[in-house]
Amino acid sequence: MRSGPMLAFHAAHSIHTPLETLPDSFERFAFIEDSEDRRAYHSMVYNVDRDIGELMAALSHKNMYENSL
């Protein structure tokens, strides 16, 4: 069975305030010692990157990656 076009939209709001992060990613940036906010921001951007990576892996696993924009 052939299906029609599909739209998936991911809005990454996590890099805006409030600065909230996951403990594992916050610890990843423990080397940033001058500012806890800066460390949290780096952690949040890392989480967005990780989420996009998981999305791309899922598309690839379903053989949908090559037909995606």
N, C-alpha and C. Protein backbone atom coordinates (compact mmCIF):
# COMPACT_ATOMS: atom_id res chain seq x y z
N MET A 1 0.84 -1.17 0.00
CA MET A 1 0.00 0.00 0.00
C MET A 1 0.89 1.24 0.00
N ARG A 2 0.57 2.18 -0.83
CA ARG A 2 1.33 3.43 -0.93
C ARG A 2 0.59 4.52 -0.17
N SER A 3 1.32 5.26 0.63
CA SER A 3 0.69 6.35 1.37
C SER A 3 1.09 7.68 0.77
N GLY A 4 0.34 8.70 1.11
CA GLY A 4 0.60 10.04 0.60
C GLY A 4 1.66 10.75 1.43
N PRO A 5 1.86 12.03 1.13
CA PRO A 5 2.86 12.82 1.85
C PRO A 5 2.54 12.91 3.34
N MET A 6 3.57 13.06 4.13
CA MET A 6 3.41 13.18 5.56
C MET A 6 4.19 14.41 6.03
N LEU A 7 3.65 15.11 7.00
CA LEU A 7 4.32 16.27 7.57
C LEU A 7 4.65 15.99 9.02
N ALA A 8 5.89 16.19 9.38
CA ALA A 8 6.32 16.12 10.78
C ALA A 8 6.99 17.45 11.10
N PHE A 9 6.65 18.02 12.22
CA PHE A 9 7.19 19.31 12.61
C PHE A 9 7.72 19.21 14.03
N HIS A 10 8.95 19.65 14.22
CA HIS A 10 9.56 19.63 15.56
C HIS A 10 9.93 21.06 15.92
N ALA A 11 9.31 21.60 16.95
CA ALA A 11 9.61 22.95 17.42
C ALA A 11 10.48 22.84 18.66
N ALA A 12 11.71 23.25 18.53
CA ALA A 12 12.66 23.15 19.64
C ALA A 12 12.58 24.40 20.51
N HIS A 13 11.70 24.38 21.47
CA HIS A 13 11.54 25.52 22.37
C HIS A 13 12.48 25.44 23.55
N SER A 14 13.20 24.36 23.70
CA SER A 14 13.98 24.14 24.90
C SER A 14 15.20 25.06 25.02
N ILE A 15 15.57 25.78 23.98
CA ILE A 15 16.73 26.67 24.10
C ILE A 15 16.33 28.08 24.50
N HIS A 16 15.12 28.23 24.99
CA HIS A 16 14.65 29.51 25.50
C HIS A 16 14.41 29.39 26.99
N THR A 17 14.16 30.50 27.63
CA THR A 17 13.92 30.47 29.07
C THR A 17 12.57 29.84 29.36
N PRO A 18 12.41 29.22 30.49
CA PRO A 18 13.36 29.11 31.60
C PRO A 18 14.47 28.11 31.29
N LEU A 19 15.62 28.35 31.89
CA LEU A 19 16.76 27.46 31.69
C LEU A 19 16.58 26.20 32.51
N GLU A 20 16.05 25.17 31.86
CA GLU A 20 15.83 23.88 32.51
C GLU A 20 16.49 22.82 31.66
N THR A 21 17.18 21.91 32.30
CA THR A 21 17.92 20.90 31.56
C THR A 21 17.83 19.55 32.24
N LEU A 22 18.27 18.53 31.54
CA LEU A 22 18.31 17.18 32.09
C LEU A 22 19.64 16.98 32.82
N PRO A 23 19.61 16.25 33.93
CA PRO A 23 20.84 16.07 34.72
C PRO A 23 22.01 15.48 33.93
N ASP A 24 21.76 14.51 33.04
CA ASP A 24 22.87 13.89 32.32
C ASP A 24 23.55 14.86 31.38
N SER A 25 22.79 15.72 30.72
CA SER A 25 23.41 16.67 29.81
C SER A 25 24.05 17.82 30.58
N PHE A 26 23.50 18.20 31.72
CA PHE A 26 24.10 19.25 32.54
C PHE A 26 25.47 18.81 33.03
N GLU A 27 25.59 17.56 33.43
CA GLU A 27 26.88 17.03 33.89
C GLU A 27 27.90 16.95 32.76
N ARG A 28 27.42 16.76 31.55
CA ARG A 28 28.31 16.69 30.38
C ARG A 28 29.13 17.97 30.22
N PHE A 29 28.58 19.08 30.68
CA PHE A 29 29.25 20.38 30.54
C PHE A 29 29.79 20.89 31.87
N ALA A 30 30.21 19.98 32.72
CA ALA A 30 30.76 20.33 34.03
C ALA A 30 32.03 21.17 33.91
N PHE A 31 32.70 21.11 32.78
CA PHE A 31 33.92 21.89 32.58
C PHE A 31 33.63 23.39 32.48
N ILE A 32 32.38 23.77 32.25
CA ILE A 32 32.00 25.19 32.23
C ILE A 32 31.76 25.60 33.67
N GLU A 33 32.69 26.30 34.22
CA GLU A 33 32.64 26.63 35.64
C GLU A 33 32.34 28.10 35.92
N ASP A 34 32.44 28.96 34.91
CA ASP A 34 32.29 30.39 35.16
C ASP A 34 30.84 30.85 35.26
N SER A 35 29.89 30.06 34.73
CA SER A 35 28.49 30.50 34.74
C SER A 35 27.57 29.28 34.68
N GLU A 36 26.72 29.15 35.67
CA GLU A 36 25.76 28.04 35.67
C GLU A 36 24.73 28.22 34.56
N ASP A 37 24.35 29.47 34.26
CA ASP A 37 23.42 29.72 33.16
C ASP A 37 24.02 29.32 31.82
N ARG A 38 25.29 29.66 31.61
CA ARG A 38 25.97 29.28 30.37
C ARG A 38 26.05 27.77 30.24
N ARG A 39 26.34 27.11 31.34
CA ARG A 39 26.40 25.64 31.35
C ARG A 39 25.03 25.05 31.03
N ALA A 40 23.98 25.61 31.61
CA ALA A 40 22.62 25.13 31.34
C ALA A 40 22.25 25.35 29.88
N TYR A 41 22.61 26.52 29.33
CA TYR A 41 22.29 26.79 27.93
C TYR A 41 22.98 25.80 27.00
N HIS A 42 24.26 25.53 27.23
CA HIS A 42 24.97 24.54 26.42
C HIS A 42 24.29 23.18 26.53
N SER A 43 23.87 22.84 27.71
CA SER A 43 23.19 21.57 27.94
C SER A 43 21.88 21.50 27.16
N MET A 44 21.14 22.59 27.15
CA MET A 44 19.86 22.61 26.44
C MET A 44 20.05 22.51 24.94
N VAL A 45 21.07 23.18 24.39
CA VAL A 45 21.36 23.07 22.95
C VAL A 45 21.78 21.64 22.62
N TYR A 46 22.57 21.04 23.49
CA TYR A 46 22.96 19.63 23.31
C TYR A 46 21.73 18.73 23.25
N ASN A 47 20.75 18.99 24.11
CA ASN A 47 19.53 18.18 24.12
C ASN A 47 18.75 18.32 22.81
N VAL A 48 18.72 19.53 22.25
CA VAL A 48 18.07 19.72 20.95
C VAL A 48 18.80 18.90 19.89
N ASP A 49 20.12 18.97 19.89
CA ASP A 49 20.91 18.18 18.93
C ASP A 49 20.63 16.69 19.10
N ARG A 50 20.57 16.24 20.34
CA ARG A 50 20.30 14.83 20.61
C ARG A 50 18.91 14.44 20.10
N ASP A 51 17.92 15.30 20.33
CA ASP A 51 16.56 15.02 19.85
C ASP A 51 16.51 14.92 18.33
N ILE A 52 17.17 15.84 17.65
CA ILE A 52 17.20 15.80 16.18
C ILE A 52 17.90 14.53 15.71
N GLY A 53 18.96 14.13 16.38
CA GLY A 53 19.65 12.89 16.03
C GLY A 53 18.74 11.68 16.16
N GLU A 54 17.94 11.65 17.23
CA GLU A 54 17.00 10.54 17.41
C GLU A 54 15.92 10.55 16.34
N LEU A 55 15.47 11.74 15.96
CA LEU A 55 14.48 11.86 14.89
C LEU A 55 15.05 11.36 13.56
N MET A 56 16.28 11.76 13.26
CA MET A 56 16.91 11.32 12.01
C MET A 56 17.12 9.80 12.01
N ALA A 57 17.50 9.24 13.15
CA ALA A 57 17.69 7.79 13.25
C ALA A 57 16.37 7.06 13.04
N ALA A 58 15.29 7.60 13.59
CA ALA A 58 13.97 6.97 13.42
C ALA A 58 13.54 7.02 11.95
N LEU A 59 13.77 8.15 11.29
CA LEU A 59 13.44 8.25 9.86
C LEU A 59 14.26 7.24 9.05
N SER A 60 15.52 7.12 9.38
CA SER A 60 16.38 6.18 8.67
C SER A 60 15.92 4.74 8.92
N HIS A 61 15.58 4.42 10.15
CA HIS A 61 15.13 3.08 10.50
C HIS A 61 13.87 2.70 9.74
N LYS A 62 13.00 3.68 9.48
CA LYS A 62 11.74 3.43 8.75
C LYS A 62 11.90 3.62 7.24
N ASN A 63 13.16 3.76 6.78
CA ASN A 63 13.44 3.98 5.36
C ASN A 63 12.74 5.22 4.81
N MET A 64 12.66 6.25 5.64
CA MET A 64 12.00 7.50 5.24
C MET A 64 13.01 8.65 5.12
N TYR A 65 14.24 8.44 5.54
CA TYR A 65 15.24 9.51 5.59
C TYR A 65 15.55 10.05 4.20
N GLU A 66 15.75 9.19 3.24
CA GLU A 66 16.14 9.61 1.89
C GLU A 66 15.04 10.39 1.18
N ASN A 67 13.83 10.30 1.70
CA ASN A 67 12.70 10.98 1.04
C ASN A 67 12.19 12.12 1.95
N SER A 68 13.10 12.69 2.74
CA SER A 68 12.74 13.74 3.69
C SER A 68 13.49 15.02 3.37
N LEU A 69 12.89 16.12 3.74
CA LEU A 69 13.55 17.42 3.59
C LEU A 69 14.04 17.87 4.93
